[in-house]
Amino acid sequence: MSEAIKLVIEKGGWNFPVKHWFYYQHSASKVGDASYGIERGVCVSQEEAYPVISSDRLFWQALGRALGWEETEKYLADYESGVGDFLIPIWGEQPVWKKYALRFFELKLTGGDEEKFWQQLIPQR
């Protein structure tokens, strides 16, 4: 996930929101050499900040910009009964960033491989 954070800051225009409990600091010499902490000055690790970061919709939107995702995409929402035994598909639209965010949260809920998710999502530089 640290690669995703670097990417959204460098290319997606995302800043870690100060309104949250954590803040993001980076030196001009090394973007992504991050230290996180609570505003009161109590330091936490990057891994402890990940849940806050991954729950920010602006993070996912910036990731979409950084990776060049389309704004929206069609998906099969449901079926309705047609004539006889035929079903008629009902198509919906959703933001592409939302699709990937939901996949990530499904992984978290089911104990899936989060590291593999990020490796497949973020191209190697």
N, C-alpha and C. Protein backbone atom coordinates (compact mmCIF):
# COMPACT_ATOMS: atom_id res chain seq x y z
N MET A 1 0.82 -1.20 0.00
CA MET A 1 0.00 0.00 0.00
C MET A 1 0.86 1.26 0.00
N SER A 2 2.07 1.15 0.50
CA SER A 2 2.93 2.34 0.53
C SER A 2 3.22 2.84 -0.88
N GLU A 3 3.32 1.94 -1.86
CA GLU A 3 3.53 2.36 -3.25
C GLU A 3 2.31 3.12 -3.76
N ALA A 4 1.12 2.67 -3.38
CA ALA A 4 -0.12 3.36 -3.78
C ALA A 4 -0.15 4.76 -3.18
N ILE A 5 0.27 4.90 -1.94
CA ILE A 5 0.28 6.21 -1.28
C ILE A 5 1.24 7.16 -2.01
N LYS A 6 2.43 6.66 -2.33
CA LYS A 6 3.38 7.48 -3.07
C LYS A 6 2.79 7.92 -4.41
N LEU A 7 2.15 6.98 -5.09
CA LEU A 7 1.60 7.26 -6.41
C LEU A 7 0.49 8.31 -6.35
N VAL A 8 -0.42 8.21 -5.39
CA VAL A 8 -1.52 9.18 -5.34
C VAL A 8 -1.04 10.56 -4.93
N ILE A 9 0.04 10.63 -4.19
CA ILE A 9 0.59 11.94 -3.82
C ILE A 9 1.33 12.54 -5.02
N GLU A 10 2.15 11.73 -5.69
CA GLU A 10 2.95 12.22 -6.81
C GLU A 10 2.12 12.52 -8.05
N LYS A 11 1.16 11.64 -8.39
CA LYS A 11 0.46 11.76 -9.67
C LYS A 11 -1.04 12.00 -9.54
N GLY A 12 -1.62 11.72 -8.39
CA GLY A 12 -3.07 11.83 -8.26
C GLY A 12 -3.54 13.10 -7.59
N GLY A 13 -2.61 13.88 -7.04
CA GLY A 13 -2.98 15.14 -6.40
C GLY A 13 -3.64 14.98 -5.05
N TRP A 14 -3.38 13.86 -4.37
CA TRP A 14 -4.01 13.59 -3.07
C TRP A 14 -3.10 14.04 -1.95
N ASN A 15 -3.68 14.63 -0.93
CA ASN A 15 -2.96 14.97 0.30
C ASN A 15 -3.67 14.29 1.45
N PHE A 16 -2.89 13.76 2.36
CA PHE A 16 -3.50 13.10 3.51
C PHE A 16 -4.27 14.15 4.31
N PRO A 17 -5.58 13.94 4.49
CA PRO A 17 -6.40 14.97 5.14
C PRO A 17 -6.04 15.18 6.60
N VAL A 18 -5.76 16.41 6.95
CA VAL A 18 -5.40 16.75 8.33
C VAL A 18 -6.59 16.56 9.25
N LYS A 19 -7.81 16.63 8.71
CA LYS A 19 -9.00 16.49 9.56
C LYS A 19 -9.08 15.11 10.21
N HIS A 20 -8.38 14.13 9.61
CA HIS A 20 -8.35 12.81 10.24
C HIS A 20 -7.39 12.83 11.42
N TRP A 21 -7.33 11.72 12.10
CA TRP A 21 -6.48 11.62 13.28
C TRP A 21 -5.01 11.65 12.94
N PHE A 22 -4.67 11.28 11.74
CA PHE A 22 -3.28 11.17 11.36
C PHE A 22 -2.92 12.28 10.39
N TYR A 23 -1.66 12.54 10.25
CA TYR A 23 -1.20 13.46 9.23
C TYR A 23 -0.02 12.82 8.50
N TYR A 24 0.23 13.27 7.32
CA TYR A 24 1.30 12.73 6.48
C TYR A 24 2.38 13.79 6.33
N GLN A 25 3.60 13.38 6.50
CA GLN A 25 4.72 14.29 6.30
C GLN A 25 5.69 13.62 5.33
N HIS A 26 6.24 14.37 4.42
CA HIS A 26 7.30 13.83 3.59
C HIS A 26 8.33 14.93 3.34
N SER A 27 9.57 14.49 3.21
CA SER A 27 10.63 15.45 2.94
C SER A 27 10.68 15.70 1.44
N ALA A 28 11.12 16.86 1.07
CA ALA A 28 11.20 17.20 -0.35
C ALA A 28 12.19 16.30 -1.07
N SER A 29 13.16 15.76 -0.34
CA SER A 29 14.17 14.94 -0.98
C SER A 29 13.70 13.52 -1.25
N LYS A 30 12.78 13.02 -0.43
CA LYS A 30 12.34 11.64 -0.59
C LYS A 30 10.84 11.55 -0.42
N VAL A 31 10.10 11.73 -1.48
CA VAL A 31 8.64 11.58 -1.40
C VAL A 31 8.34 10.13 -1.07
N GLY A 32 7.46 9.92 -0.12
CA GLY A 32 7.09 8.57 0.25
C GLY A 32 7.86 8.04 1.44
N ASP A 33 8.93 8.72 1.83
CA ASP A 33 9.64 8.34 3.04
C ASP A 33 8.82 8.91 4.18
N ALA A 34 7.75 8.21 4.51
CA ALA A 34 6.67 8.80 5.29
C ALA A 34 6.80 8.52 6.78
N SER A 35 6.32 9.48 7.54
CA SER A 35 6.13 9.25 8.97
C SER A 35 4.73 9.72 9.29
N TYR A 36 4.03 8.94 10.04
CA TYR A 36 2.65 9.26 10.39
C TYR A 36 2.58 9.50 11.89
N GLY A 37 1.66 10.32 12.30
CA GLY A 37 1.49 10.54 13.73
C GLY A 37 0.15 11.14 14.03
N ILE A 38 -0.28 11.03 15.24
CA ILE A 38 -1.51 11.68 15.67
C ILE A 38 -1.18 13.14 15.94
N GLU A 39 -2.14 14.02 15.72
CA GLU A 39 -1.87 15.46 15.85
C GLU A 39 -1.30 15.83 17.21
N ARG A 40 -1.58 15.03 18.21
CA ARG A 40 -1.03 15.30 19.54
C ARG A 40 0.45 14.94 19.61
N GLY A 41 0.99 14.35 18.54
CA GLY A 41 2.41 14.04 18.51
C GLY A 41 2.75 12.60 18.82
N VAL A 42 1.77 11.75 19.03
CA VAL A 42 2.04 10.35 19.30
C VAL A 42 2.29 9.66 17.96
N CYS A 43 3.44 9.05 17.81
CA CYS A 43 3.80 8.43 16.54
C CYS A 43 3.16 7.06 16.40
N VAL A 44 2.75 6.76 15.19
CA VAL A 44 2.23 5.44 14.86
C VAL A 44 2.92 5.00 13.58
N SER A 45 2.88 3.72 13.32
CA SER A 45 3.53 3.21 12.11
C SER A 45 2.64 3.45 10.89
N GLN A 46 3.24 3.29 9.72
CA GLN A 46 2.48 3.42 8.48
C GLN A 46 1.33 2.42 8.46
N GLU A 47 1.60 1.20 8.90
CA GLU A 47 0.58 0.15 8.87
C GLU A 47 -0.63 0.53 9.73
N GLU A 48 -0.41 1.26 10.81
CA GLU A 48 -1.53 1.69 11.65
C GLU A 48 -2.33 2.80 10.98
N ALA A 49 -1.73 3.53 10.07
CA ALA A 49 -2.43 4.60 9.35
C ALA A 49 -3.18 4.07 8.14
N TYR A 50 -2.82 2.90 7.63
CA TYR A 50 -3.44 2.35 6.42
C TYR A 50 -4.97 2.27 6.49
N PRO A 51 -5.58 1.81 7.60
CA PRO A 51 -7.05 1.75 7.64
C PRO A 51 -7.71 3.11 7.44
N VAL A 52 -7.11 4.15 7.97
CA VAL A 52 -7.66 5.50 7.80
C VAL A 52 -7.50 5.93 6.34
N ILE A 53 -6.34 5.67 5.77
CA ILE A 53 -6.09 6.05 4.39
C ILE A 53 -7.01 5.30 3.44
N SER A 54 -7.11 3.98 3.62
CA SER A 54 -7.90 3.17 2.68
C SER A 54 -9.39 3.43 2.80
N SER A 55 -9.84 4.08 3.86
CA SER A 55 -11.27 4.39 3.99
C SER A 55 -11.61 5.78 3.45
N ASP A 56 -10.62 6.48 2.91
CA ASP A 56 -10.83 7.82 2.37
C ASP A 56 -11.18 7.72 0.89
N ARG A 57 -12.40 8.11 0.53
CA ARG A 57 -12.80 8.02 -0.88
C ARG A 57 -11.93 8.89 -1.77
N LEU A 58 -11.40 9.99 -1.24
CA LEU A 58 -10.52 10.86 -2.04
C LEU A 58 -9.21 10.16 -2.39
N PHE A 59 -8.76 9.26 -1.51
CA PHE A 59 -7.57 8.45 -1.81
C PHE A 59 -7.84 7.58 -3.03
N TRP A 60 -8.99 6.90 -3.06
CA TRP A 60 -9.33 6.01 -4.17
C TRP A 60 -9.55 6.80 -5.46
N GLN A 61 -10.15 7.97 -5.37
CA GLN A 61 -10.35 8.80 -6.56
C GLN A 61 -9.00 9.26 -7.12
N ALA A 62 -8.10 9.66 -6.24
CA ALA A 62 -6.76 10.08 -6.67
C ALA A 62 -5.98 8.92 -7.26
N LEU A 63 -6.17 7.73 -6.71
CA LEU A 63 -5.51 6.54 -7.26
C LEU A 63 -6.01 6.29 -8.68
N GLY A 64 -7.31 6.48 -8.89
CA GLY A 64 -7.86 6.34 -10.23
C GLY A 64 -7.26 7.34 -11.21
N ARG A 65 -7.10 8.58 -10.77
CA ARG A 65 -6.46 9.59 -11.64
C ARG A 65 -5.02 9.21 -11.94
N ALA A 66 -4.31 8.78 -10.91
CA ALA A 66 -2.89 8.43 -11.07
C ALA A 66 -2.70 7.24 -12.01
N LEU A 67 -3.64 6.30 -11.99
CA LEU A 67 -3.52 5.11 -12.83
C LEU A 67 -4.26 5.24 -14.16
N GLY A 68 -4.92 6.38 -14.37
CA GLY A 68 -5.60 6.62 -15.64
C GLY A 68 -6.89 5.84 -15.82
N TRP A 69 -7.58 5.54 -14.74
CA TRP A 69 -8.84 4.82 -14.85
C TRP A 69 -9.91 5.71 -15.49
N GLU A 70 -10.86 5.09 -16.17
CA GLU A 70 -12.02 5.80 -16.68
C GLU A 70 -12.83 6.29 -15.48
N GLU A 71 -13.66 7.30 -15.71
CA GLU A 71 -14.50 7.83 -14.62
C GLU A 71 -15.50 6.79 -14.13
N THR A 72 -16.28 6.23 -15.08
CA THR A 72 -17.29 5.24 -14.71
C THR A 72 -17.21 4.05 -15.66
N GLU A 73 -17.86 2.98 -15.26
CA GLU A 73 -17.97 1.81 -16.12
C GLU A 73 -19.32 1.15 -15.88
N LYS A 74 -19.78 0.43 -16.87
CA LYS A 74 -21.05 -0.27 -16.74
C LYS A 74 -20.80 -1.60 -16.03
N TYR A 75 -21.81 -2.03 -15.29
CA TYR A 75 -21.74 -3.33 -14.64
C TYR A 75 -23.13 -3.94 -14.68
N LEU A 76 -23.19 -5.25 -14.59
CA LEU A 76 -24.45 -5.96 -14.59
C LEU A 76 -25.08 -5.83 -13.21
N ALA A 77 -26.13 -5.05 -13.11
CA ALA A 77 -26.74 -4.76 -11.83
C ALA A 77 -27.76 -5.82 -11.41
N ASP A 78 -28.53 -6.30 -12.38
CA ASP A 78 -29.61 -7.24 -12.05
C ASP A 78 -30.19 -7.79 -13.34
N TYR A 79 -31.17 -8.64 -13.19
CA TYR A 79 -31.94 -9.16 -14.32
C TYR A 79 -33.41 -8.92 -14.04
N GLU A 80 -34.16 -8.75 -15.11
CA GLU A 80 -35.61 -8.73 -14.95
C GLU A 80 -36.18 -9.78 -15.89
N SER A 81 -37.36 -10.25 -15.54
CA SER A 81 -37.99 -11.31 -16.34
C SER A 81 -38.37 -10.79 -17.70
N GLY A 82 -38.08 -11.61 -18.68
CA GLY A 82 -38.47 -11.29 -20.04
C GLY A 82 -39.58 -12.22 -20.48
N VAL A 83 -39.68 -12.42 -21.75
CA VAL A 83 -40.69 -13.32 -22.30
C VAL A 83 -40.21 -14.75 -22.12
N GLY A 84 -41.09 -15.59 -21.61
CA GLY A 84 -40.73 -16.99 -21.40
C GLY A 84 -39.67 -17.12 -20.32
N ASP A 85 -38.65 -17.91 -20.62
CA ASP A 85 -37.57 -18.15 -19.67
C ASP A 85 -36.40 -17.18 -19.83
N PHE A 86 -36.54 -16.22 -20.70
CA PHE A 86 -35.45 -15.28 -20.95
C PHE A 86 -35.37 -14.21 -19.87
N LEU A 87 -34.15 -13.86 -19.51
CA LEU A 87 -33.92 -12.78 -18.56
C LEU A 87 -33.30 -11.60 -19.30
N ILE A 88 -33.71 -10.41 -18.93
CA ILE A 88 -33.19 -9.20 -19.54
C ILE A 88 -32.21 -8.56 -18.56
N PRO A 89 -30.95 -8.35 -19.00
CA PRO A 89 -29.98 -7.73 -18.08
C PRO A 89 -30.31 -6.26 -17.83
N ILE A 90 -30.09 -5.83 -16.61
CA ILE A 90 -30.23 -4.43 -16.24
C ILE A 90 -28.82 -3.94 -15.93
N TRP A 91 -28.38 -2.93 -16.68
CA TRP A 91 -27.03 -2.41 -16.52
C TRP A 91 -27.05 -1.16 -15.65
N GLY A 92 -26.04 -1.02 -14.83
CA GLY A 92 -25.86 0.17 -14.02
C GLY A 92 -24.49 0.76 -14.30
N GLU A 93 -24.24 1.90 -13.72
CA GLU A 93 -22.92 2.53 -13.84
C GLU A 93 -22.39 2.83 -12.46
N GLN A 94 -21.10 2.69 -12.31
CA GLN A 94 -20.45 3.04 -11.04
C GLN A 94 -19.08 3.62 -11.33
N PRO A 95 -18.58 4.43 -10.42
CA PRO A 95 -17.21 4.93 -10.58
C PRO A 95 -16.23 3.76 -10.51
N VAL A 96 -15.22 3.79 -11.35
CA VAL A 96 -14.22 2.71 -11.38
C VAL A 96 -13.47 2.64 -10.05
N TRP A 97 -13.16 3.79 -9.45
CA TRP A 97 -12.45 3.79 -8.16
C TRP A 97 -13.25 3.02 -7.11
N LYS A 98 -14.57 3.13 -7.18
CA LYS A 98 -15.43 2.44 -6.20
C LYS A 98 -15.32 0.92 -6.35
N LYS A 99 -15.21 0.45 -7.59
CA LYS A 99 -15.07 -0.99 -7.83
C LYS A 99 -13.83 -1.53 -7.12
N TYR A 100 -12.70 -0.82 -7.27
CA TYR A 100 -11.47 -1.30 -6.66
C TYR A 100 -11.49 -1.14 -5.14
N ALA A 101 -12.10 -0.07 -4.66
CA ALA A 101 -12.22 0.11 -3.21
C ALA A 101 -13.05 -1.02 -2.61
N LEU A 102 -14.15 -1.37 -3.25
CA LEU A 102 -15.00 -2.46 -2.75
C LEU A 102 -14.28 -3.80 -2.80
N ARG A 103 -13.48 -4.02 -3.84
CA ARG A 103 -12.68 -5.26 -3.90
C ARG A 103 -11.69 -5.31 -2.74
N PHE A 104 -11.07 -4.17 -2.45
CA PHE A 104 -10.12 -4.12 -1.35
C PHE A 104 -10.81 -4.43 -0.02
N PHE A 105 -11.96 -3.81 0.20
CA PHE A 105 -12.67 -4.04 1.47
C PHE A 105 -13.18 -5.47 1.58
N GLU A 106 -13.56 -6.06 0.47
CA GLU A 106 -13.97 -7.46 0.49
C GLU A 106 -12.78 -8.34 0.89
N LEU A 107 -11.60 -8.02 0.38
CA LEU A 107 -10.39 -8.75 0.78
C LEU A 107 -10.15 -8.63 2.28
N LYS A 108 -10.28 -7.42 2.80
CA LYS A 108 -10.07 -7.20 4.24
C LYS A 108 -11.06 -8.02 5.06
N LEU A 109 -12.31 -8.04 4.63
CA LEU A 109 -13.34 -8.75 5.38
C LEU A 109 -13.18 -10.27 5.32
N THR A 110 -12.64 -10.76 4.23
CA THR A 110 -12.51 -12.21 4.06
C THR A 110 -11.11 -12.73 4.37
N GLY A 111 -10.20 -11.83 4.75
CA GLY A 111 -8.84 -12.26 5.07
C GLY A 111 -8.02 -12.56 3.83
N GLY A 112 -8.34 -11.91 2.72
CA GLY A 112 -7.62 -12.14 1.47
C GLY A 112 -6.22 -11.54 1.50
N ASP A 113 -5.51 -11.76 0.43
CA ASP A 113 -4.12 -11.34 0.31
C ASP A 113 -4.05 -9.88 -0.16
N GLU A 114 -3.94 -8.95 0.79
CA GLU A 114 -3.90 -7.53 0.47
C GLU A 114 -2.63 -7.15 -0.29
N GLU A 115 -1.53 -7.76 0.07
CA GLU A 115 -0.27 -7.45 -0.60
C GLU A 115 -0.35 -7.79 -2.09
N LYS A 116 -0.95 -8.93 -2.40
CA LYS A 116 -1.12 -9.34 -3.79
C LYS A 116 -2.05 -8.35 -4.53
N PHE A 117 -3.09 -7.89 -3.85
CA PHE A 117 -4.01 -6.91 -4.43
C PHE A 117 -3.25 -5.67 -4.88
N TRP A 118 -2.41 -5.12 -3.98
CA TRP A 118 -1.67 -3.91 -4.31
C TRP A 118 -0.64 -4.16 -5.40
N GLN A 119 0.01 -5.33 -5.37
CA GLN A 119 1.01 -5.66 -6.39
C GLN A 119 0.37 -5.73 -7.77
N GLN A 120 -0.83 -6.29 -7.85
CA GLN A 120 -1.50 -6.39 -9.14
C GLN A 120 -2.08 -5.06 -9.60
N LEU A 121 -2.44 -4.22 -8.65
CA LEU A 121 -3.08 -2.94 -8.99
C LEU A 121 -2.08 -1.86 -9.39
N ILE A 122 -0.95 -1.80 -8.69
CA ILE A 122 0.04 -0.75 -8.91
C ILE A 122 1.14 -1.29 -9.82
N PRO A 123 1.33 -0.65 -10.99
CA PRO A 123 2.40 -1.11 -11.88
C PRO A 123 3.77 -0.90 -11.26
N GLN A 124 4.67 -1.82 -11.52
CA GLN A 124 6.04 -1.69 -11.01
C GLN A 124 6.75 -0.57 -11.76
N ARG A 125 7.45 0.26 -11.00
CA ARG A 125 8.16 1.39 -11.63
C ARG A 125 9.58 1.01 -11.95
